[in-house]
Amino acid sequence: MRDYSDFDSLLPAVPFNRRQFMVSAIGAGFALAVQPVVAQTLITTDSVGLSTGEIKVTTGDGEMPAYRAQPASGGNWPIILVVQEIFGVHEYIKDVCRRLAKLGYLALAPELYARQGDPRQYSNIEELLGKVVSKVPDAQVLADLDACVAWAVAHGGNSARLGITGFCWGGRITWLYAAHNPQLKAGVAWYGRIVGVPSELNPRHPLDIAGKLYAPVLGLYGGLDQGIPLDSVEKMRKALAESADPASKASTIHVYDQAPHAFHADYRPSYRKTEADDGWRRLQAWFRQHGV
């Protein structure tokens, strides 16, 4: 039995030295690094019946912008945190929030790089990784997600039905958050990196916490993903299966043999409709199965 006494508040307890947010608002359009956008496959979900838009989440050192989508009426909605790709909160991530809101969720996507820089300003992926993404501490991200839960609870969300999903960079964070928040019910990680070299900002990676999850995670991966070797996926699958931890053992990984990285990203050439649609069905079933 875990001791949950150290999680007696949803508000983040991590102290931050930086007091200035470099990004104070969610922008429109897509990050420069992912241009051109593939318009032929781009999915746009309307806001009919929804309440959507930018909100400010109070954190330990200021206010973080986030995109929120929820049903226009009612309350006590289940909460799903949506964690961005390396490109920040752009139109695709907003659309994912609206898709979830159409299913009855309060979906919240925070701009998790807000202190480090604006990913929309970089046209080169390597420069974006070096100047922004590599400077984001995991502890900061996990605390910011806790703050998002607190915001959602204060605005009609039900923390007893809390889920998280993330893509690419956010897929890795999904695994880490499942080992961080004991209130979490379930997570869905889309092609999140599993292994890595520990560092001061990123001390642990998903394989390191595979046997210590608070909530079961569904991992969705592409067999043709050149950035996430299948042997690392198999190591994760083995670690989950061999764990004595109930949430870890209940977790599962599905690999789409013919899918590349980012197969759900409908605005990019990597999009694979068949696999993306199947993954979305699996996401919905997973959240229902685990009470989200």
Protein backbone atom coordinates (compact mmCIF):
# COMPACT_ATOMS: atom_id res chain seq x y z
CA MET A 1 0.00 0.00 0.00
CA ARG A 2 1.44 3.33 -1.04
CA ASP A 3 1.60 6.29 1.33
CA TYR A 4 -0.31 9.15 -0.34
CA SER A 5 0.32 11.63 2.48
CA ASP A 6 2.82 13.54 0.36
CA PHE A 7 0.10 14.26 -2.22
CA ASP A 8 -2.36 16.07 0.04
CA SER A 9 -2.68 19.05 -2.30
CA LEU A 10 -3.21 19.39 -6.01
CA LEU A 11 -1.21 22.60 -6.08
CA PRO A 12 2.42 22.19 -7.11
CA ALA A 13 5.01 22.26 -4.34
CA VAL A 14 8.03 22.51 -6.64
CA PRO A 15 9.82 25.86 -6.18
CA PHE A 16 10.86 27.68 -9.34
CA ASN A 17 13.56 30.30 -9.55
CA ARG A 18 12.38 31.85 -12.79
CA ARG A 19 9.50 34.24 -12.24
CA GLN A 20 8.86 35.38 -15.79
CA PHE A 21 6.88 33.46 -18.36
CA MET A 22 8.25 34.03 -21.84
CA VAL A 23 4.99 32.86 -23.39
CA SER A 24 1.84 34.47 -22.01
CA ALA A 25 -0.71 33.44 -24.63
CA ILE A 26 -1.61 30.51 -26.86
CA GLY A 27 -0.98 31.39 -30.49
CA ALA A 28 -2.93 30.60 -33.64
CA GLY A 29 -1.88 28.34 -36.48
CA PHE A 30 0.94 25.81 -36.43
CA ALA A 31 4.56 25.94 -35.34
CA LEU A 32 6.94 27.05 -38.10
CA ALA A 33 8.93 23.84 -37.67
CA VAL A 34 6.05 21.75 -39.03
CA GLN A 35 5.30 23.77 -42.16
CA PRO A 36 3.90 23.11 -44.66
CA VAL A 37 0.73 21.70 -43.16
CA VAL A 38 -0.90 18.86 -45.11
CA ALA A 39 -4.34 20.36 -45.64
CA GLN A 40 -5.77 17.28 -47.35
CA THR A 41 -5.79 15.24 -44.13
CA LEU A 42 -6.15 18.01 -41.56
CA ILE A 43 -9.07 17.38 -39.19
CA THR A 44 -10.97 20.39 -37.87
CA THR A 45 -13.48 19.81 -35.08
CA ASP A 46 -16.07 22.54 -34.57
CA SER A 47 -16.97 24.09 -31.23
CA VAL A 48 -20.73 23.59 -31.50
CA GLY A 49 -22.03 22.57 -28.09
CA LEU A 50 -18.67 23.33 -26.48
CA SER A 51 -17.05 26.02 -24.40
CA THR A 52 -13.51 26.55 -25.65
CA GLY A 53 -10.64 29.00 -25.48
CA GLU A 54 -7.53 30.09 -23.68
CA ILE A 55 -7.35 30.15 -19.90
CA LYS A 56 -4.65 30.98 -17.37
CA VAL A 57 -3.49 28.36 -14.90
CA THR A 58 -1.96 29.54 -11.65
CA THR A 59 1.35 27.80 -10.99
CA GLY A 60 3.96 28.11 -8.28
CA ASP A 61 5.59 31.06 -10.04
CA GLY A 62 2.97 32.80 -12.14
CA GLU A 63 0.32 32.11 -14.73
CA MET A 64 0.64 29.59 -17.54
CA PRO A 65 -1.50 29.80 -20.68
CA ALA A 66 -3.52 26.73 -21.65
CA TYR A 67 -6.22 25.77 -24.11
CA ARG A 68 -9.45 24.39 -22.66
CA ALA A 69 -12.42 22.65 -24.26
CA GLN A 70 -15.46 21.27 -22.44
CA PRO A 71 -19.19 20.77 -22.95
CA ALA A 72 -21.08 24.08 -22.95
CA SER A 73 -23.47 22.92 -20.26
CA GLY A 74 -23.47 20.64 -17.25
CA GLY A 75 -20.61 20.01 -14.86
CA ASN A 76 -18.65 17.44 -12.90
CA TRP A 77 -16.92 16.51 -16.15
CA PRO A 78 -14.16 13.91 -16.23
CA ILE A 79 -10.79 15.59 -16.82
CA ILE A 80 -8.22 14.74 -19.46
CA LEU A 81 -4.85 16.48 -19.60
CA VAL A 82 -3.56 16.76 -23.17
CA VAL A 83 0.22 16.99 -23.43
CA GLN A 84 1.74 18.62 -26.49
CA GLU A 85 4.26 17.36 -29.01
CA ILE A 86 7.63 19.13 -29.14
CA PHE A 87 5.91 21.88 -31.15
CA GLY A 88 3.82 23.24 -28.27
CA VAL A 89 0.08 23.90 -28.17
CA HIS A 90 -0.93 24.55 -31.78
CA GLU A 91 -4.08 23.84 -33.83
CA TYR A 92 -3.73 20.06 -33.80
CA ILE A 93 -3.49 19.89 -30.01
CA LYS A 94 -6.42 22.29 -29.69
CA ASP A 95 -8.43 20.08 -32.01
CA VAL A 96 -7.65 17.01 -29.92
CA CYS A 97 -9.07 18.90 -26.93
CA ARG A 98 -12.27 19.65 -28.86
CA ARG A 99 -12.58 16.01 -29.92
CA LEU A 100 -12.38 14.99 -26.28
CA ALA A 101 -14.85 17.69 -25.24
CA LYS A 102 -17.32 16.32 -27.80
CA LEU A 103 -17.07 13.04 -25.85
CA GLY A 104 -18.02 14.82 -22.62
CA TYR A 105 -14.58 15.57 -21.17
CA LEU A 106 -13.03 18.73 -19.81
CA ALA A 107 -9.80 18.69 -21.84
CA LEU A 108 -6.90 20.94 -20.92
CA ALA A 109 -3.67 21.49 -22.89
CA PRO A 110 -1.11 23.69 -21.09
CA GLU A 111 1.76 25.46 -22.85
CA LEU A 112 4.44 23.57 -20.93
CA TYR A 113 7.39 25.45 -22.45
CA ALA A 114 6.01 28.84 -21.37
CA ARG A 115 9.07 29.69 -19.22
CA GLN A 116 11.68 28.46 -21.68
CA GLY A 117 10.49 29.92 -24.97
CA ASP A 118 7.94 29.98 -27.76
CA PRO A 119 8.17 26.91 -30.03
CA ARG A 120 6.16 28.69 -32.73
CA GLN A 121 9.11 30.99 -33.47
CA TYR A 122 11.49 28.24 -34.58
CA SER A 123 11.49 26.95 -38.14
CA ASN A 124 14.22 24.39 -37.48
CA ILE A 125 13.49 21.35 -35.32
CA GLU A 126 17.09 20.98 -34.14
CA GLU A 127 17.14 24.61 -33.00
CA LEU A 128 13.80 24.19 -31.23
CA LEU A 129 15.09 21.11 -29.41
CA GLY A 130 18.35 22.78 -28.43
CA LYS A 131 17.06 26.19 -27.37
CA VAL A 132 13.71 25.31 -25.81
CA VAL A 133 12.76 21.66 -25.36
CA SER A 134 16.07 20.54 -23.85
CA LYS A 135 15.79 23.23 -21.15
CA VAL A 136 12.41 22.09 -19.76
CA PRO A 137 12.73 20.23 -16.41
CA ASP A 138 10.50 17.21 -15.84
CA ALA A 139 9.76 18.41 -12.29
CA GLN A 140 8.41 21.68 -13.67
CA VAL A 141 6.20 19.85 -16.18
CA LEU A 142 4.73 17.47 -13.59
CA ALA A 143 4.01 20.34 -11.20
CA ASP A 144 2.38 22.35 -14.00
CA LEU A 145 0.13 19.40 -14.80
CA ASP A 146 -0.85 19.20 -11.14
CA ALA A 147 -1.76 22.88 -11.33
CA CYS A 148 -3.94 22.14 -14.37
CA VAL A 149 -5.81 19.51 -12.38
CA ALA A 150 -6.38 22.06 -9.62
CA TRP A 151 -7.71 24.55 -12.19
CA ALA A 152 -10.01 21.95 -13.71
CA VAL A 153 -11.42 20.94 -10.31
CA ALA A 154 -12.12 24.60 -9.52
CA HIS A 155 -14.00 24.95 -12.82
CA GLY A 156 -16.34 21.97 -12.83
CA GLY A 157 -13.98 19.05 -13.37
CA ASN A 158 -14.10 15.78 -11.46
CA SER A 159 -10.67 14.76 -10.16
CA ALA A 160 -12.01 11.28 -9.36
CA ARG A 161 -12.17 10.73 -13.13
CA LEU A 162 -8.76 12.02 -14.22
CA GLY A 163 -6.92 10.91 -17.34
CA ILE A 164 -3.95 12.04 -19.40
CA THR A 165 -2.89 11.60 -23.02
CA GLY A 166 0.17 12.92 -24.82
CA PHE A 167 1.88 12.76 -28.20
CA CYS A 168 5.60 12.31 -28.95
CA TRP A 169 7.27 14.49 -26.26
CA GLY A 170 3.93 14.35 -24.46
CA GLY A 171 3.83 10.57 -24.73
CA ARG A 172 6.94 10.34 -22.56
CA ILE A 173 5.40 12.80 -20.10
CA THR A 174 2.25 10.66 -19.95
CA TRP A 175 4.27 7.72 -18.66
CA LEU A 176 6.04 9.92 -16.10
CA TYR A 177 2.80 11.49 -14.88
CA ALA A 178 1.32 8.04 -14.34
CA ALA A 179 4.12 7.47 -11.83
CA HIS A 180 3.64 10.91 -10.26
CA ASN A 181 -0.02 11.51 -9.47
CA PRO A 182 -1.84 8.93 -7.32
CA GLN A 183 -5.20 10.41 -8.32
CA LEU A 184 -4.73 9.53 -11.98
CA LYS A 185 -7.04 6.80 -13.30
CA ALA A 186 -5.52 6.10 -16.72
CA GLY A 187 -3.16 7.37 -19.39
CA VAL A 188 -2.70 6.95 -23.14
CA ALA A 189 0.82 7.56 -24.45
CA TRP A 190 1.20 8.06 -28.19
CA TYR A 191 4.73 7.14 -29.40
CA GLY A 192 6.49 8.57 -26.37
CA ARG A 193 10.21 7.97 -25.97
CA ILE A 194 10.89 5.17 -23.47
CA VAL A 195 14.62 5.22 -22.76
CA GLY A 196 17.21 7.96 -22.41
CA VAL A 197 20.31 9.13 -20.61
CA PRO A 198 19.46 10.48 -17.13
CA SER A 199 20.25 14.15 -16.58
CA GLU A 200 19.59 16.85 -14.02
CA LEU A 201 16.47 18.03 -15.86
CA ASN A 202 15.35 14.56 -16.96
CA PRO A 203 16.42 12.24 -14.14
CA ARG A 204 14.12 9.36 -15.07
CA HIS A 205 12.61 7.94 -18.22
CA PRO A 206 9.57 5.69 -18.70
CA LEU A 207 11.52 2.44 -18.50
CA ASP A 208 12.92 3.57 -15.13
CA ILE A 209 9.43 3.93 -13.64
CA ALA A 210 7.71 1.06 -15.46
CA GLY A 211 7.11 -0.85 -12.23
CA LYS A 212 5.96 2.13 -10.18
CA LEU A 213 2.81 3.41 -11.85
CA TYR A 214 -0.25 4.78 -10.05
CA ALA A 215 -2.46 4.33 -13.10
CA PRO A 216 -2.46 1.94 -16.07
CA VAL A 217 -1.15 3.32 -19.35
CA LEU A 218 -1.98 2.32 -22.90
CA GLY A 219 1.06 2.85 -25.11
CA LEU A 220 0.48 3.30 -28.86
CA TYR A 221 3.59 2.95 -31.03
CA GLY A 222 4.60 2.68 -34.68
CA GLY A 223 6.61 -0.27 -35.90
CA LEU A 224 8.36 1.97 -38.44
CA ASP A 225 9.21 4.71 -35.92
CA GLN A 226 12.87 5.50 -36.61
CA GLY A 227 13.26 7.44 -33.36
CA ILE A 228 11.88 4.83 -30.97
CA PRO A 229 13.55 1.44 -31.51
CA LEU A 230 11.24 -1.53 -31.14
CA ASP A 231 13.68 -3.16 -28.74
CA SER A 232 13.03 -0.33 -26.27
CA VAL A 233 9.28 -0.84 -26.68
CA GLU A 234 9.75 -4.54 -25.96
CA LYS A 235 11.82 -3.76 -22.87
CA MET A 236 9.01 -1.56 -21.61
CA ARG A 237 6.41 -4.22 -22.33
CA LYS A 238 8.48 -6.81 -20.47
CA ALA A 239 9.06 -4.53 -17.47
CA LEU A 240 5.34 -3.79 -17.20
CA ALA A 241 4.38 -7.47 -17.41
CA GLU A 242 6.93 -8.56 -14.83
CA SER A 243 6.07 -5.85 -12.31
CA ALA A 244 4.27 -6.64 -9.07
CA ASP A 245 2.63 -3.23 -9.27
CA PRO A 246 -1.09 -3.60 -10.21
CA ALA A 247 -1.24 -0.47 -12.39
CA SER A 248 1.95 -1.41 -14.21
CA LYS A 249 0.76 -4.95 -14.81
CA ALA A 250 -2.57 -3.61 -16.11
CA SER A 251 -0.77 -1.40 -18.63
CA THR A 252 -0.41 -2.50 -22.23
CA ILE A 253 1.40 -1.51 -25.41
CA HIS A 254 0.04 -1.81 -28.94
CA VAL A 255 2.37 -1.53 -31.93
CA TYR A 256 1.10 -0.68 -35.42
CA ASP A 257 3.61 -2.54 -37.55
CA GLN A 258 3.35 -0.33 -40.65
CA ALA A 259 3.01 3.04 -38.92
CA PRO A 260 5.77 5.66 -38.57
CA HIS A 261 6.25 8.13 -35.75
CA ALA A 262 3.43 10.69 -35.34
CA PHE A 263 0.88 8.55 -37.16
CA HIS A 264 -1.96 10.35 -35.36
CA ALA A 265 -0.79 13.84 -36.39
CA ASP A 266 -3.31 14.53 -39.17
CA TYR A 267 -1.57 17.75 -40.25
CA ARG A 268 1.70 16.00 -41.13
CA PRO A 269 2.81 13.58 -43.87
CA SER A 270 3.33 10.92 -41.17
CA TYR A 271 -0.44 10.65 -40.64
CA ARG A 272 -1.94 7.21 -41.14
CA LYS A 273 -5.72 7.37 -40.99
CA THR A 274 -6.38 3.68 -40.34
CA GLU A 275 -3.96 3.47 -37.43
CA ALA A 276 -4.95 6.89 -36.09
CA ASP A 277 -8.65 6.00 -36.07
CA ASP A 278 -7.97 2.67 -34.42
CA GLY A 279 -5.79 4.33 -31.78
CA TRP A 280 -8.52 6.87 -31.05
CA ARG A 281 -11.05 4.05 -30.55
CA ARG A 282 -8.61 2.32 -28.22
CA LEU A 283 -8.12 5.57 -26.29
CA GLN A 284 -11.85 5.94 -25.72
CA ALA A 285 -12.26 2.32 -24.63
CA TRP A 286 -9.24 2.57 -22.31
CA PHE A 287 -10.56 5.63 -20.53
CA ARG A 288 -14.02 4.09 -20.17
CA GLN A 289 -12.55 0.83 -18.89
CA HIS A 290 -10.62 2.65 -16.17
CA GLY A 291 -13.34 5.02 -15.02
CA VAL A 292 -12.32 8.23 -16.77
